[in-house]
Amino acid sequence: MSKPFFLGCNGRGVQHQPGNPPSIDEQFKMVKSSGVFDYFDRMPQPGEEKEYVRAAERYDLPMLTGLWTYTLGKDEELLNNNMQLTKDTGGLCHNIMVFDKHADGHSITDQEVLECYLSAYKQAQRIGIEITFEVHIYMWSEDVRRVNTVADMVLKEGLPFNFLLDHSHVLLKLENPEEQDRCGIRDAVNSGSLILDPFEPGNIVDEWISRNMTLWHAFRPVAPNGPKNLDARDVEGNFGRACQYPFMRPKPGEYHSEWFAYKVEPCKEVTRNLLRYHRDNSESKLKYVTTEIIDLIDYGEGAKYSLFEQSVAIGQWILETWDGLVADKPAASKVLDI
């Protein structure tokens, strides 16, 4: 069935074994041949811009979305350049991930996040693309309570807050005191003033969904209190954080820990709730949905399971879930054109 959103595959996940990605042309071919995705989710990488554009044209697989990370006080020019690159290479939306630490070392304030958003939003409007700000570990929004604070500040300025909802960066903190302590939310979770469990009424993700600010939804499976990435260590010898869990059962020997299907259910529940909201609300802002199985240390670095096979399985599940929701209750007519 047709769907009123674009489904993309994150480019970092277009490989079977992490650390051994195929050529750019082969990556686009793999995504296209899967028959699942509408587009390739990635910023053209520095020095390889022409190769990405050629592959996108060859396989009729546009790069509608992409992202980059930025440090305030250092990367303002880079941000402007990347937004222009997004436009020049056929992109529609650039996700802006702003690190919590300013270039001078202080943790950035909500006001500084606001000023960055306002500047980027206005520049994006001038060149004809959209932006999103994401909930993400290591970024200003690692304390997930800041999302609504900044969103309210943006709204007071008369602009919409365009949000990238990546539930993995919320749900890895579920049942995980260590992760909650990293961003100072443990007391709030214990008191019930902050609810992370998507099956509980009043949870933070449902609140975000109800605010209709999600332009882009990223699906990366995590497990509540899930295992750290035991296949990768940082420079200090610490294992990667628990920010990726296989979506489907790995084959014997492919995963470092026990795997349980039920642990993926909270992630599925978020996506069901978001797609249900999208089905039932003609004014829903959702345009982009991406699969986010990737190869970095806190995710799938060192993994023995196929990143791409997991990505395809997620994409198929998203399509099947949408079709099931529409079959239960036909959606209002929506048309999105690339």
Foldseek 3Di string as FASTA:
>chain_A
DDDQAFEEAELQLQWFAPPDHDDLLVSLVVVLVLVQGQAYAAQQDPPCLVVNLVSCVVSVHAHAEYEDEDAAPPCPVVLLVSLVSCLVSVYAEYEYFYAQAHPVGHGDDLVVVLVSVVVSQVSNVVSHHHYAYEQAPRGSCLVVVSVVVSQVVNVVVVDHHAYEYELLSLQCCAQPVVSCVVNVCVVVCVVVVAARQLVDPPHPLLVVLVVLRYAEYEQAFFFRPGDFQPQDADPVGHAAARRHDQQDDFDPPQGPDDDDNVRRVSSVSSLLSNLLSVQEDVPRNYHYYYYDQRQDRRGNPRTRGTSNVSRSVVSVVSVVSNVVSCVVPNGDDDDDDD
